[in-house]
Protein backbone atom coordinates (compact mmCIF):
# COMPACT_ATOMS: atom_id res chain seq x y z
CA MET A 1 -96.45 -34.32 31.02
CA ASP A 2 -97.44 -35.20 34.56
CA LYS A 3 -96.74 -33.74 37.99
CA ASN A 4 -93.57 -35.77 38.39
CA ASN A 5 -92.13 -34.61 35.08
CA LYS A 6 -91.02 -31.00 35.30
CA LYS A 7 -90.82 -29.07 32.05
CA VAL A 8 -89.03 -26.05 30.64
CA TYR A 9 -90.63 -24.26 27.70
CA ALA A 10 -89.63 -21.12 25.81
CA ASP A 11 -91.79 -18.51 24.10
CA TYR A 12 -91.17 -18.45 20.33
CA HIS A 13 -91.65 -15.05 18.73
CA GLY A 14 -91.97 -14.20 15.06
CA PRO A 15 -92.14 -13.91 12.22
CA ARG A 16 -88.59 -13.17 11.11
CA CYS A 17 -87.92 -13.69 7.44
CA THR A 18 -85.30 -13.19 4.75
CA ARG A 19 -85.42 -12.13 1.12
CA ILE A 20 -83.72 -15.33 -0.02
CA VAL A 21 -86.27 -17.63 1.65
CA ASP A 22 -89.46 -15.58 1.94
CA GLY A 23 -89.04 -12.47 -0.21
CA GLU A 24 -89.65 -10.33 2.89
CA LEU A 25 -88.06 -9.53 6.26
CA GLY A 26 -90.84 -9.75 8.82
CA HIS A 27 -89.73 -8.31 12.16
CA TRP A 28 -86.12 -7.83 11.07
CA LYS A 29 -87.45 -4.55 9.64
CA PHE A 30 -89.36 -2.08 11.77
CA SER A 31 -90.11 1.62 11.99
CA GLY A 32 -92.41 3.39 14.40
CA THR A 33 -92.87 5.63 17.43
CA ALA A 34 -93.65 4.64 21.01
CA LYS A 35 -96.80 6.74 21.06
CA LYS A 36 -97.30 6.75 24.84
CA SER A 37 -93.66 7.36 25.68
CA LYS A 38 -92.35 10.63 27.08
CA VAL A 39 -88.64 9.97 26.56
CA LYS A 40 -86.57 11.99 24.14
CA ASN A 41 -85.72 9.26 21.64
CA ARG A 42 -88.87 7.27 21.02
CA THR A 43 -88.84 6.85 17.22
CA VAL A 44 -86.93 4.11 15.40
CA ASN A 45 -86.32 3.15 11.79
CA TYR A 46 -84.56 -0.13 11.10
CA ASN A 47 -84.00 -1.08 7.47
CA GLY A 48 -83.10 -4.75 7.69
CA ASP A 49 -82.15 -4.88 4.00
CA LEU A 50 -79.35 -2.36 4.45
CA ILE A 51 -75.86 -3.67 5.24
CA LEU A 52 -74.02 -1.36 7.62
CA GLU A 53 -70.33 -0.51 7.46
CA ASN A 54 -69.61 -3.20 10.08
CA GLY A 55 -71.00 -5.81 7.68
CA LEU A 56 -74.16 -6.48 9.73
CA ASN A 57 -77.69 -5.85 8.56
CA ASP A 58 -79.59 -2.92 10.06
CA VAL A 59 -82.05 -5.17 11.88
CA ALA A 60 -84.68 -4.26 14.45
CA ALA A 61 -82.73 -5.72 17.35
CA MET A 62 -80.65 -4.46 20.23
CA SER A 63 -78.35 -7.48 19.85
CA TYR A 64 -77.36 -9.39 16.73
CA PRO A 65 -77.79 -13.18 16.29
CA ILE A 66 -74.59 -15.18 15.84
CA THR A 67 -76.16 -16.84 12.79
CA GLY A 68 -76.84 -13.50 11.12
CA ILE A 69 -80.39 -12.81 10.06
CA GLN A 70 -82.22 -16.01 9.18
CA SER A 71 -85.72 -17.06 8.18
CA GLN A 72 -87.93 -18.85 10.68
CA ASN A 73 -89.34 -20.69 7.67
CA ASP A 74 -85.93 -22.18 6.85
CA PRO A 75 -85.89 -25.85 7.97
CA HIS A 76 -82.13 -25.70 8.64
CA TYR A 77 -82.55 -22.70 10.94
CA ILE A 78 -85.47 -24.35 12.74
CA GLU A 79 -83.32 -27.45 13.20
CA TYR A 80 -80.54 -25.30 14.67
CA GLN A 81 -82.94 -23.65 17.12
CA ILE A 82 -84.56 -26.89 18.26
CA LEU A 83 -81.29 -28.77 18.72
CA LEU A 84 -79.77 -25.84 20.59
CA ALA A 85 -82.83 -25.60 22.84
CA LYS A 86 -82.65 -29.32 23.58
CA ALA A 87 -78.96 -29.01 24.47
CA ALA A 88 -80.05 -26.49 27.13
CA HIS A 89 -82.74 -28.90 28.47
CA ILE A 90 -85.62 -26.91 26.96
CA ASP A 91 -88.50 -29.27 26.18
CA GLY A 92 -90.40 -27.20 23.65
CA PHE A 93 -91.43 -23.90 22.13
CA PHE A 94 -94.76 -22.14 22.65
CA VAL A 95 -95.29 -20.45 19.30
CA GLU A 96 -96.95 -17.02 19.36
CA TRP A 97 -99.89 -17.81 17.09
CA GLY A 98 -102.96 -16.01 15.79
CA PHE A 99 -105.18 -17.97 13.38
CA LYS A 100 -104.69 -20.36 10.48
CA GLU A 101 -104.61 -17.69 7.76
CA HIS A 102 -102.06 -15.60 9.65
CA ARG A 103 -98.43 -16.04 8.63
CA SER A 104 -97.64 -17.33 12.13
CA ASN A 105 -99.43 -20.52 11.10
CA LYS A 106 -96.96 -21.23 8.30
CA GLU A 107 -94.20 -20.80 10.85
CA LEU A 108 -96.00 -23.11 13.30
CA LEU A 109 -96.42 -25.89 10.74
CA GLY A 110 -92.77 -25.67 9.71
CA ILE A 111 -91.58 -25.89 13.31
CA MET A 112 -93.88 -28.84 14.00
CA GLU A 113 -92.35 -30.77 11.09
CA ILE A 114 -88.83 -30.46 12.49
CA ALA A 115 -90.04 -30.96 16.08
CA LYS A 116 -91.52 -34.33 15.10
CA LYS A 117 -88.13 -35.44 13.84
CA TYR A 118 -86.37 -34.52 17.08
CA ASP A 119 -88.99 -35.39 19.71
CA PHE A 120 -89.47 -31.74 20.67
CA GLU A 121 -92.72 -30.31 22.02
CA ILE A 122 -94.77 -27.52 20.50
CA GLY A 123 -97.36 -25.46 22.33
CA ILE A 124 -99.37 -22.34 21.60
CA ASN A 125 -99.11 -18.89 23.14
CA TRP A 126 -102.31 -17.65 21.58
CA CYS A 127 -102.20 -13.99 20.56
CA ASP A 128 -105.96 -13.97 20.94
CA ALA A 129 -106.27 -10.22 20.35
CA TRP A 130 -105.43 -10.77 16.68
CA HIS A 131 -108.85 -12.38 16.21
CA PHE A 132 -110.49 -9.14 17.23
CA TYR A 133 -108.35 -6.66 15.30
CA ASP A 134 -109.90 -5.15 12.18
CA TRP A 135 -107.30 -6.74 9.94
CA ILE A 136 -108.85 -10.18 10.38
CA GLU A 137 -111.36 -8.87 7.85
CA GLU A 138 -108.63 -9.26 5.23
CA PHE A 139 -109.20 -13.01 5.56
CA HIS A 140 -112.84 -13.35 6.60
CA THR A 141 -116.17 -11.64 6.06
CA ILE A 142 -117.05 -10.04 9.38
CA ASN A 143 -120.47 -8.56 10.10
CA ASP A 144 -120.28 -8.18 13.88
CA ARG A 145 -118.22 -9.17 16.89
CA GLN A 146 -120.01 -12.50 17.22
CA ASP A 147 -118.49 -13.47 13.86
CA LYS A 148 -115.07 -13.01 15.44
CA VAL A 149 -116.07 -15.16 18.40
CA ASN A 150 -117.24 -17.88 16.02
CA LEU A 151 -113.95 -17.69 14.15
CA PHE A 152 -112.19 -18.11 17.47
CA LYS A 153 -114.08 -21.36 18.01
CA GLU A 154 -113.01 -22.54 14.56
CA SER A 155 -109.41 -21.69 15.41
CA LEU A 156 -109.59 -23.70 18.61
CA GLN A 157 -110.86 -26.73 16.69
CA TYR A 158 -108.05 -26.20 14.19
CA LEU A 159 -105.47 -26.30 17.00
CA LEU A 160 -106.98 -29.45 18.49
CA ASP A 161 -106.93 -31.19 15.10
CA ASN A 162 -103.59 -30.00 13.79
CA VAL A 163 -101.35 -29.28 16.79
CA PHE A 164 -102.46 -31.16 19.87
CA SER A 165 -103.47 -34.34 18.09
CA LYS A 166 -99.80 -34.76 17.16
CA LYS A 167 -97.20 -36.42 19.34
CA THR A 168 -95.36 -33.11 19.68
CA GLY A 169 -98.34 -31.18 21.09
CA VAL A 170 -97.90 -29.98 24.69
CA THR A 171 -100.36 -31.75 26.98
CA PHE A 172 -100.82 -32.43 30.70
CA ASN A 173 -102.37 -35.81 31.52
CA GLY A 174 -104.01 -35.71 28.10
CA HIS A 175 -105.21 -32.10 28.35
CA PRO A 176 -103.85 -29.73 25.63
CA ILE A 177 -102.15 -26.76 27.29
CA ILE A 178 -102.95 -23.38 25.69
CA PHE A 179 -101.60 -20.03 26.88
CA MET A 180 -103.79 -16.97 26.30
CA PHE A 181 -101.78 -13.79 25.93
CA GLY A 182 -104.85 -11.57 26.38
CA GLY A 183 -106.70 -8.72 24.76
CA GLY A 184 -109.03 -10.88 22.69
CA PRO A 185 -112.42 -12.18 23.82
CA THR A 186 -114.11 -10.83 26.92
CA VAL A 187 -114.68 -13.13 29.87
CA GLU A 188 -118.31 -13.68 28.85
CA GLU A 189 -117.31 -14.33 25.24
CA PHE A 190 -114.72 -16.83 26.40
CA LYS A 191 -117.29 -18.64 28.53
CA ASN A 192 -119.34 -18.96 25.34
CA ILE A 193 -116.26 -20.28 23.52
CA LEU A 194 -115.70 -22.88 26.25
CA SER A 195 -119.35 -23.99 26.15
CA GLU A 196 -119.04 -25.11 22.52
CA GLU A 197 -118.89 -28.85 21.86
CA TYR A 198 -115.57 -29.54 20.16
CA LYS A 199 -114.43 -32.68 18.42
CA ILE A 200 -111.68 -33.88 20.73
CA PRO A 201 -109.12 -36.02 18.89
CA GLN A 202 -108.69 -39.57 20.12
CA GLY A 203 -106.47 -39.81 23.19
CA LEU A 204 -107.01 -36.19 24.23
CA LYS A 205 -109.17 -34.56 26.88
CA ASP A 206 -110.63 -31.05 27.06
CA PRO A 207 -108.03 -28.29 26.62
CA TRP A 208 -106.78 -26.33 29.61
CA PHE A 209 -106.24 -22.60 29.31
CA PHE A 210 -103.78 -20.38 31.15
CA THR A 211 -103.87 -16.59 31.19
CA ARG A 212 -100.92 -14.25 31.55
CA ALA A 213 -100.51 -13.60 35.28
CA PRO A 214 -102.09 -10.21 36.16
CA ILE A 215 -99.34 -8.93 38.44
CA ASN A 216 -99.24 -5.24 39.29
CA GLY A 217 -96.84 -3.36 41.53
CA GLN A 218 -96.16 -0.13 43.38
CA VAL A 219 -92.89 1.40 44.54
CA THR A 220 -92.69 2.07 48.28
CA GLU A 221 -89.41 3.25 49.82
CA ASN A 222 -87.46 2.06 46.77
CA LYS A 223 -89.00 -1.42 46.91
CA VAL A 224 -91.60 -2.72 44.48
CA ASN A 225 -94.52 -4.42 46.17
CA TYR A 226 -96.18 -6.79 43.69
CA GLU A 227 -99.62 -8.35 43.85
CA LEU A 228 -101.35 -11.05 41.81
CA THR A 229 -104.58 -9.20 41.13
CA HIS A 230 -107.77 -11.24 41.12
CA THR A 231 -109.72 -10.90 37.89
CA LYS A 232 -112.70 -12.78 36.52
CA TRP A 233 -110.30 -14.58 34.19
CA LEU A 234 -108.77 -16.43 37.11
CA ASP A 235 -112.16 -17.96 37.90
CA ILE A 236 -112.50 -19.67 34.52
CA MET A 237 -108.90 -20.54 33.69
CA GLN A 238 -106.95 -23.62 34.74
CA GLY A 239 -104.05 -21.42 35.80
CA VAL A 240 -101.76 -18.53 34.99
CA PHE A 241 -98.34 -18.37 33.40
CA GLY A 242 -95.47 -16.12 34.36
CA TRP A 243 -94.35 -13.52 31.85
CA MET A 244 -92.04 -10.54 31.80
CA PRO A 245 -91.66 -9.05 35.31
CA THR A 246 -93.76 -5.92 35.64
CA ARG A 247 -91.76 -2.68 35.24
CA VAL A 248 -93.11 0.05 37.55
CA ARG A 249 -90.09 2.18 38.51
CA LYS A 250 -90.02 5.57 36.73
CA GLY A 251 -87.05 6.09 34.45
CA GLU A 252 -87.12 9.90 34.40
CA GLY A 253 -84.27 11.42 36.38
CA THR A 254 -82.39 8.11 36.71
CA LYS A 255 -79.73 6.34 34.68
CA TYR A 256 -82.65 4.64 32.95
CA ASP A 257 -84.07 7.85 31.50
CA ASN A 258 -84.06 6.33 27.99
CA TRP A 259 -87.12 4.41 29.16
CA ASP A 260 -90.38 5.43 30.83
CA ARG A 261 -90.35 2.44 33.19
CA TYR A 262 -87.85 -0.12 34.38
CA ALA A 263 -87.24 -2.93 36.85
CA VAL A 264 -84.05 -4.08 38.55
CA VAL A 265 -82.82 -7.58 39.31
CA GLU A 266 -84.33 -7.62 42.80
CA ASP A 267 -87.72 -6.73 41.32
CA THR A 268 -87.65 -9.73 39.01
CA VAL A 269 -87.15 -12.10 41.94
CA ASP A 270 -89.93 -10.38 43.91
CA TYR A 271 -92.16 -10.78 40.85
CA LEU A 272 -91.51 -14.53 40.84
CA ASP A 273 -92.21 -14.80 44.56
CA THR A 274 -95.51 -12.99 44.10
CA LEU A 275 -96.35 -15.25 41.17
CA ASN A 276 -95.49 -18.37 43.12
CA LEU A 277 -97.33 -17.46 46.33
CA GLY A 278 -100.26 -16.00 44.41
CA GLN A 279 -100.90 -19.29 42.63
CA ASP A 280 -101.06 -21.08 45.99
CA LYS A 281 -104.29 -19.21 46.74
CA TYR A 282 -105.92 -20.95 43.77
CA GLU A 283 -104.59 -24.44 44.41
CA ASP A 284 -108.11 -25.91 44.31
CA SER A 285 -108.77 -24.63 40.78
CA PHE A 286 -105.35 -24.15 39.16
CA LYS A 287 -104.09 -27.34 37.56
CA ILE A 288 -100.41 -26.54 36.98
CA LYS A 289 -98.01 -24.10 38.63
CA ILE A 290 -96.04 -22.12 36.06
CA SER A 291 -93.14 -19.78 36.80
CA SER A 292 -90.98 -17.79 34.36
CA ALA A 293 -87.45 -16.59 33.64
CA ALA A 294 -86.43 -13.63 31.49
CA PRO A 295 -82.92 -12.47 30.58
CA GLY A 296 -83.86 -8.79 30.46
CA MET A 297 -85.98 -6.49 28.36
CA ASP A 298 -85.55 -3.44 26.10
CA ASN A 299 -88.37 -2.60 23.69
CA ARG A 300 -86.70 0.33 21.94
CA ALA A 301 -86.02 -1.68 18.76
CA CYS A 302 -89.77 -1.97 18.14
CA ALA A 303 -90.68 1.38 19.73
CA SER A 304 -93.05 -0.61 21.94
CA TRP A 305 -94.69 -1.88 18.74
CA ASP A 306 -95.57 1.66 17.69
CA LYS A 307 -98.14 1.80 20.51
CA HIS A 308 -97.12 2.06 24.14
CA ASP A 309 -94.30 3.45 26.27
CA LEU A 310 -90.69 2.22 26.59
CA SER A 311 -89.63 -0.10 29.37
CA HIS A 312 -86.49 -1.89 30.42
CA ILE A 313 -85.01 -4.64 32.54
CA PRO A 314 -81.20 -4.63 32.35
CA ARG A 315 -79.50 -7.94 31.63
CA ASP A 316 -76.78 -6.94 34.10
CA ASN A 317 -74.21 -9.20 32.41
CA GLY A 318 -76.50 -12.20 32.81
CA ARG A 319 -77.32 -11.64 36.49
CA THR A 320 -81.03 -10.94 35.90
CA TYR A 321 -81.60 -14.27 34.18
CA GLU A 322 -79.47 -16.20 36.64
CA GLU A 323 -81.24 -14.80 39.70
CA MET A 324 -84.65 -15.67 38.28
CA TRP A 325 -83.45 -19.19 37.52
CA LYS A 326 -81.93 -19.51 41.00
CA TYR A 327 -85.33 -18.71 42.48
CA ASN A 328 -86.98 -21.38 40.34
CA ALA A 329 -84.33 -23.96 41.24
CA VAL A 330 -84.65 -23.26 44.98
CA ASN A 331 -88.44 -23.53 44.76
CA LYS A 332 -88.53 -26.41 42.28
CA SER A 333 -90.62 -28.62 44.55
CA ASP A 334 -93.42 -26.07 44.19
CA ILE A 335 -93.17 -25.41 40.43
CA ASP A 336 -94.24 -27.61 37.50
CA ILE A 337 -93.13 -25.50 34.50
CA VAL A 338 -90.59 -22.74 33.96
CA TYR A 339 -91.57 -20.57 31.01
CA ILE A 340 -88.66 -18.71 29.37
CA VAL A 341 -89.52 -15.28 27.99
CA SER A 342 -88.26 -15.67 25.35
CA TRP A 343 -86.29 -17.81 22.94
CA ASN A 344 -86.02 -15.22 20.18
CA ASP A 345 -87.77 -11.88 20.69
CA TYR A 346 -84.93 -9.73 19.40
CA THR A 347 -87.16 -6.68 19.03
CA GLU A 348 -87.65 -6.52 22.80
CA ARG A 349 -84.21 -7.95 23.56
CA HIS A 350 -85.35 -10.72 25.83
CA GLN A 351 -84.06 -13.51 23.58
CA ILE A 352 -81.80 -16.24 24.95
CA GLU A 353 -80.79 -17.45 21.49
CA PRO A 354 -77.04 -16.72 21.18
CA THR A 355 -76.01 -13.28 19.98
CA ILE A 356 -72.76 -11.55 19.16
CA ILE A 357 -72.89 -9.36 22.27
CA ASP A 358 -74.06 -11.99 24.79
CA GLY A 359 -72.70 -15.17 23.24
CA TYR A 360 -74.03 -18.41 24.74
CA ARG A 361 -74.24 -16.96 28.25
CA GLU A 362 -78.01 -17.33 28.70
CA LEU A 363 -78.03 -20.80 27.11
CA LEU A 364 -75.36 -21.98 29.54
CA THR A 365 -77.37 -20.53 32.43
CA THR A 366 -80.46 -22.32 31.14
CA GLU A 367 -78.62 -25.63 30.88
CA LYS A 368 -77.23 -25.32 34.40
CA TYR A 369 -80.44 -24.46 36.22
CA ALA A 370 -82.83 -26.46 34.04
CA ALA A 371 -80.76 -29.55 34.91
CA ASP A 372 -81.09 -28.66 38.60
CA PHE A 373 -84.81 -27.96 38.22
CA LYS A 374 -85.41 -31.34 36.55
CA GLY A 375 -82.97 -33.28 38.73
CA ILE A 376 -80.76 -34.41 35.85
CA ASN A 377 -77.03 -34.16 35.15
CA GLN A 378 -75.44 -31.11 33.57
CA ASN A 379 -73.81 -31.51 30.19
CA THR A 380 -72.65 -28.54 28.12
CA ASP A 381 -70.75 -30.63 25.56
CA GLY A 382 -73.47 -30.26 22.96
CA MET A 383 -73.92 -26.51 23.12
CA GLY A 384 -71.77 -25.63 20.10
CA LEU A 385 -72.80 -28.54 17.89
CA PRO A 386 -76.09 -27.16 16.47
CA PHE A 387 -74.29 -24.15 15.01
CA LYS A 388 -71.66 -26.40 13.40
CA LEU A 389 -74.41 -28.53 11.91
CA PHE A 390 -76.21 -25.41 10.66
CA ASP A 391 -73.02 -24.16 9.02
CA LEU A 392 -72.49 -27.54 7.35
CA ARG A 393 -76.08 -27.53 6.08
CA LYS A 394 -75.45 -24.19 4.38
CA LYS A 395 -72.23 -25.45 2.79
CA VAL A 396 -74.00 -28.50 1.41
CA ASP A 397 -76.77 -26.25 0.09
CA LEU A 398 -74.14 -24.28 -1.81
CA LEU A 399 -72.74 -27.47 -3.30
CA ASN A 400 -76.21 -28.40 -4.46
CA LYS A 401 -76.78 -25.00 -6.05
CA VAL A 402 -73.62 -25.20 -8.11
CA GLY A 403 -74.58 -28.63 -9.42
CA LEU A 404 -72.72 -31.10 -7.20
CA GLU A 405 -74.33 -34.26 -5.85
CA THR A 406 -75.14 -33.84 -2.15
CA ILE A 407 -77.48 -36.68 -1.12
CA CYS A 408 -74.75 -38.61 0.72
CA TYR A 409 -73.69 -35.50 2.68
CA GLU A 410 -77.28 -34.66 3.57
CA SER A 411 -77.74 -38.20 4.90
CA ILE A 412 -74.69 -37.84 7.15
CA LEU A 413 -75.95 -34.47 8.44
CA ASP A 414 -79.33 -36.02 9.18
CA GLU A 415 -77.60 -38.67 11.29
CA ILE A 416 -75.62 -36.00 13.14
CA GLY A 417 -78.84 -34.16 13.92
CA ILE A 418 -80.31 -37.27 15.51
CA MET A 419 -77.13 -37.80 17.55
CA VAL A 420 -77.22 -34.24 18.88
CA SER A 421 -80.93 -34.54 19.65
CA LYS A 422 -80.34 -37.71 21.68
CA GLY A 423 -77.40 -36.22 23.56
CA SER A 424 -74.80 -38.44 21.84
CA TYR A 425 -72.38 -35.53 21.70
CA VAL A 426 -69.10 -37.48 21.49
CA GLU A 427 -70.29 -39.43 18.47
CA ALA A 428 -71.73 -36.29 16.87
CA LYS A 429 -68.44 -34.42 17.28
CA LEU A 430 -66.53 -37.24 15.57
CA GLU A 431 -68.98 -37.28 12.67
CA ILE A 432 -68.81 -33.51 12.34
CA GLU A 433 -65.01 -33.58 12.22
CA GLY A 434 -65.15 -36.23 9.53
CA ILE A 435 -67.60 -34.44 7.27
CA ILE A 436 -65.80 -31.11 7.69
CA SER A 437 -62.65 -32.75 6.30
CA LEU A 438 -64.67 -34.37 3.52
CA LEU A 439 -66.48 -31.18 2.54
CA ASP A 440 -63.29 -29.12 2.58
CA ASN A 441 -62.03 -31.27 -0.30
CA VAL A 442 -65.31 -31.02 -2.19
CA LEU A 443 -65.59 -27.26 -1.69
CA GLN A 444 -62.25 -26.88 -3.44
CA GLN A 445 -64.04 -27.95 -6.62
CA ILE A 446 -66.07 -24.75 -6.53
CA THR A 447 -64.67 -21.85 -8.50
CA ILE A 448 -65.59 -18.25 -7.75
CA ASP A 449 -65.35 -15.44 -10.28
CA TYR A 450 -65.81 -11.92 -9.01
CA LEU A 451 -67.58 -9.43 -11.23
CA GLU A 452 -67.89 -5.72 -10.50
CA VAL A 453 -70.01 -3.47 -12.70
CA ASN A 454 -70.06 0.29 -12.16
CA LEU A 455 -72.64 2.64 -13.66
CA PRO A 456 -72.56 4.12 -16.21
CA ASN A 457 -71.54 0.99 -18.12
CA GLU A 458 -71.96 -0.06 -21.74
CA ASN A 459 -73.40 -3.40 -20.61
CA ILE A 460 -76.30 -1.81 -18.73
CA ILE A 461 -79.04 0.32 -20.25
CA SER A 462 -80.43 2.84 -17.78
CA TYR A 463 -83.26 5.32 -18.05
CA SER A 464 -85.49 7.29 -15.69
CA ASP A 465 -89.09 8.41 -15.65
CA GLU A 466 -91.67 9.20 -12.99
CA GLY A 467 -91.57 5.55 -11.88
CA GLY A 468 -87.89 5.63 -10.94
CA LEU A 469 -84.55 4.46 -12.32
CA TYR A 470 -84.71 1.42 -14.63
CA LEU A 471 -81.70 -0.78 -15.34
CA LYS A 472 -81.50 -3.42 -18.09
CA PHE A 473 -78.53 -5.77 -18.30
CA LYS A 474 -77.43 -6.61 -21.84
CA GLU A 475 -77.55 -10.26 -22.76
CA GLY A 476 -73.84 -10.96 -22.25
CA ILE A 477 -73.79 -10.37 -18.50
CA ALA A 478 -77.45 -11.33 -18.06
CA LYS A 479 -76.92 -14.80 -19.56
CA ARG A 480 -73.83 -15.39 -17.45
CA LEU A 481 -75.84 -14.62 -14.31
CA ARG A 482 -78.79 -16.75 -15.43
CA ASP A 483 -76.61 -19.74 -16.27
CA ASN A 484 -74.65 -19.79 -13.02
CA TYR A 485 -75.35 -19.58 -9.32
CA TYR A 486 -74.41 -16.20 -7.88
CA ARG A 487 -74.62 -14.06 -4.79
CA GLY A 488 -73.86 -10.41 -4.62
CA TYR A 489 -74.83 -6.96 -3.52
CA ILE A 490 -75.57 -3.52 -4.86
CA SER A 491 -73.83 -0.49 -3.38
CA PHE A 492 -75.19 2.99 -4.08
CA GLU A 493 -75.98 6.37 -2.61
CA TYR A 494 -79.50 7.73 -2.22
CA PHE A 495 -80.76 11.19 -1.37
CA ASP A 496 -82.53 11.02 1.97
CA ASN A 497 -84.85 13.96 1.48
CA ASP A 498 -88.03 12.82 3.28
CA ASN A 499 -89.55 10.04 5.39
CA ASP A 500 -90.96 8.08 2.47
CA SER A 501 -89.96 4.57 1.49
CA PHE A 502 -88.59 3.28 -1.78
CA LEU A 503 -88.24 -0.21 -3.20
CA ILE A 504 -85.49 -1.84 -5.19
CA LYS A 505 -87.09 -4.47 -7.43
CA GLY A 506 -85.72 -7.28 -9.56
CA THR A 507 -87.13 -9.56 -12.27
CA THR A 508 -88.21 -13.02 -11.18
CA ASN A 509 -89.69 -16.12 -12.81
CA LYS A 510 -91.92 -16.79 -9.84
CA GLU A 511 -95.64 -17.10 -10.48
CA LYS A 512 -96.53 -13.50 -9.80
CA SER A 513 -98.65 -11.25 -11.96
CA ASP A 514 -96.12 -8.44 -11.84
CA ASN A 515 -93.03 -10.66 -12.28
CA TYR A 516 -90.78 -8.86 -9.85
CA SER A 517 -89.27 -9.52 -6.47
CA ILE A 518 -88.42 -6.99 -3.80
CA ILE A 519 -84.66 -6.73 -3.34
CA ALA A 520 -84.96 -4.08 -0.65
CA ASP A 521 -87.56 -1.90 1.04
CA ILE A 522 -85.90 1.18 2.48
CA LYS A 523 -87.56 3.86 4.58
CA LYS A 524 -85.72 7.17 4.61
CA ASN A 525 -85.00 9.27 7.69
CA GLY A 526 -85.26 12.75 6.18
CA THR A 527 -81.64 13.76 6.78
CA ASN A 528 -81.49 15.81 3.52
CA MET A 529 -78.12 14.22 2.86
CA TRP A 530 -76.74 11.62 0.49
CA GLU A 531 -76.64 8.33 2.38
CA LYS A 532 -74.75 5.16 1.54
CA GLY A 533 -76.72 2.03 0.77
CA LYS A 534 -75.70 -1.58 0.33
CA VAL A 535 -78.12 -4.48 -0.14
CA GLN A 536 -77.77 -8.15 -1.00
CA ILE A 537 -78.99 -9.78 -4.20
CA PHE A 538 -79.60 -13.49 -4.69
CA LYS A 539 -79.99 -15.88 -7.60
CA GLU A 540 -83.09 -17.24 -5.84
CA ASN A 541 -84.94 -13.93 -6.24
CA ILE A 542 -83.54 -12.27 -9.39
CA ILE A 543 -83.00 -13.93 -12.76
CA PHE A 544 -81.86 -10.99 -14.92
CA ASN A 545 -84.28 -11.48 -17.77
CA HIS A 546 -86.17 -8.24 -18.26
CA ARG A 547 -87.86 -9.70 -21.31
CA LEU A 548 -90.31 -11.36 -18.92
CA ASN A 549 -92.00 -8.00 -18.45
CA GLY A 550 -90.09 -5.77 -20.85
CA ASP A 551 -89.29 -3.03 -18.37
CA TYR A 552 -86.21 -3.72 -16.28
CA ASP A 553 -83.88 -6.10 -14.50
CA ILE A 554 -83.44 -3.73 -11.55
CA LEU A 555 -85.67 -0.80 -10.61
CA PHE A 556 -85.14 1.89 -7.99
CA ASP A 557 -88.75 3.00 -7.72
CA ASN A 558 -90.67 5.95 -6.33
CA ASN A 559 -88.43 8.36 -8.21
CA VAL A 560 -85.74 8.15 -5.54
CA LYS A 561 -82.51 9.96 -6.41
CA VAL A 562 -79.58 7.53 -6.56
CA LYS A 563 -75.98 7.73 -7.74
CA ASN A 564 -72.67 5.83 -7.68
CA ILE A 565 -74.36 2.47 -8.29
CA THR A 566 -72.05 -0.56 -8.35
CA PHE A 567 -72.96 -4.24 -8.71
CA HIS A 568 -70.74 -6.85 -7.05
CA PHE A 569 -71.22 -10.50 -7.98
CA SER A 570 -69.62 -13.72 -6.77
CA ILE A 571 -70.31 -16.20 -9.58
CA TYR A 572 -69.92 -19.85 -8.58
CA GLY A 573 -68.81 -22.63 -10.88
CA ASN A 574 -67.85 -26.28 -10.74
CA SER A 575 -64.28 -27.13 -11.73
CA ARG A 576 -65.30 -30.72 -12.51
CA PHE A 577 -67.04 -29.56 -15.70
């Protein structure tokens, strides 16, 4: 990147996982209390494993993704996200990252692999505070704070070697660009970090660091007056980056009384103006001018991460995001980068990734104004293609799992991905239409048998003890499930008598000492009522062979009271055999 090449990047939040890919849910599940909030409803409990009556999972999100819940470690989902971002003229993702042992690193490496294929950039929004939390001791021996500083230096070298040495790494005139979210090292500790001699990969220069813009505000006569506050960080950084507009209006006694603080559309524009003018004061030391755009904000789904108070910026039917983008477009001659906050933070509802409630609205806004900002032509023809490709990928996966040859289809889908990435939308549409017709014929070769098993049932042995309810499938049904690909779900009722959690476990052949997978992790709400439950089960995670450990195929643990258990299976076959 250089000064004549304007860029649009988006913050990439995670991790979000699925049982079928990862065996866990990540941020799709969350429970907690906004400890510093004073509003009435400040506690949440989202059980992402549970399927609600509307057919959607009970995820920690105020809006639901159009793809359903997906894993950010799924290459097909990453491909969908990158191609969709490129269709909206987004140049790259800045992954919220901690350190190489943290699970964010697995996510980073997976995204980089797909980004390389599609000429997409990857940067780092360093959650530097994670280095200084106590839980880093789970991965490293820590004797004092200096050990954490030294680990930080090792992490920086790791990023230089493994992220910025790659073609996809975000750089400016050869300088790696690293955002620092804050809360980690002190200013003096960071000076010590910068003084270290690092091995700079060939072709790169010293990294440049950017801190989150310290913008505060006060309400005077119903107007928020913002100020870019000078801190010692601004003296040692190469610049600041715009983030979520500061919320300083009090929610109590207003229509926003579900939140402690809020901002309105006009505030978000004033925030950007303060950010823009504030950076001018540091033009001799700041290397790049970075603005931001956010679609809104609502951190109730994560209860402010079980820590702080609740705050809000209304989306206002897309007006908030559009007004921030308008400001950036009008002032484009004075801005190098627009940073979108964010691509996918569903827990704080400032994602622009398409959802059921908002559709593609924010992506279309991004495409329109990013084109203006960069001085290129608008083209929305590719916006729907990444989802179609993603859907086709999943259909081909199913064919593979039921034993059909899929290499030729995968090759065609790979070619379509390249077409979409390069903006060859007309050709991609024609190829998609062709393979849809082809796959429709092949999918007809798949047979589906539906099996429903209610308890009590002669084919299932059940018994209870202090560990919970154990279920063993007799060999007839168990072999049928082992020998075929299946998907299904368990419906049941459980007595919600406290705030404890219980697990539903299943046998697995994965290399684990305990030989079980977690089907669901459900935290109760203490309603003292029987509640309905419904969770998915997958061939990938459960093999129905209790002889591996001799105890069970399915276990409802923690002595939870359950009744009216029914298993529903869709068993897939191949009519060619």
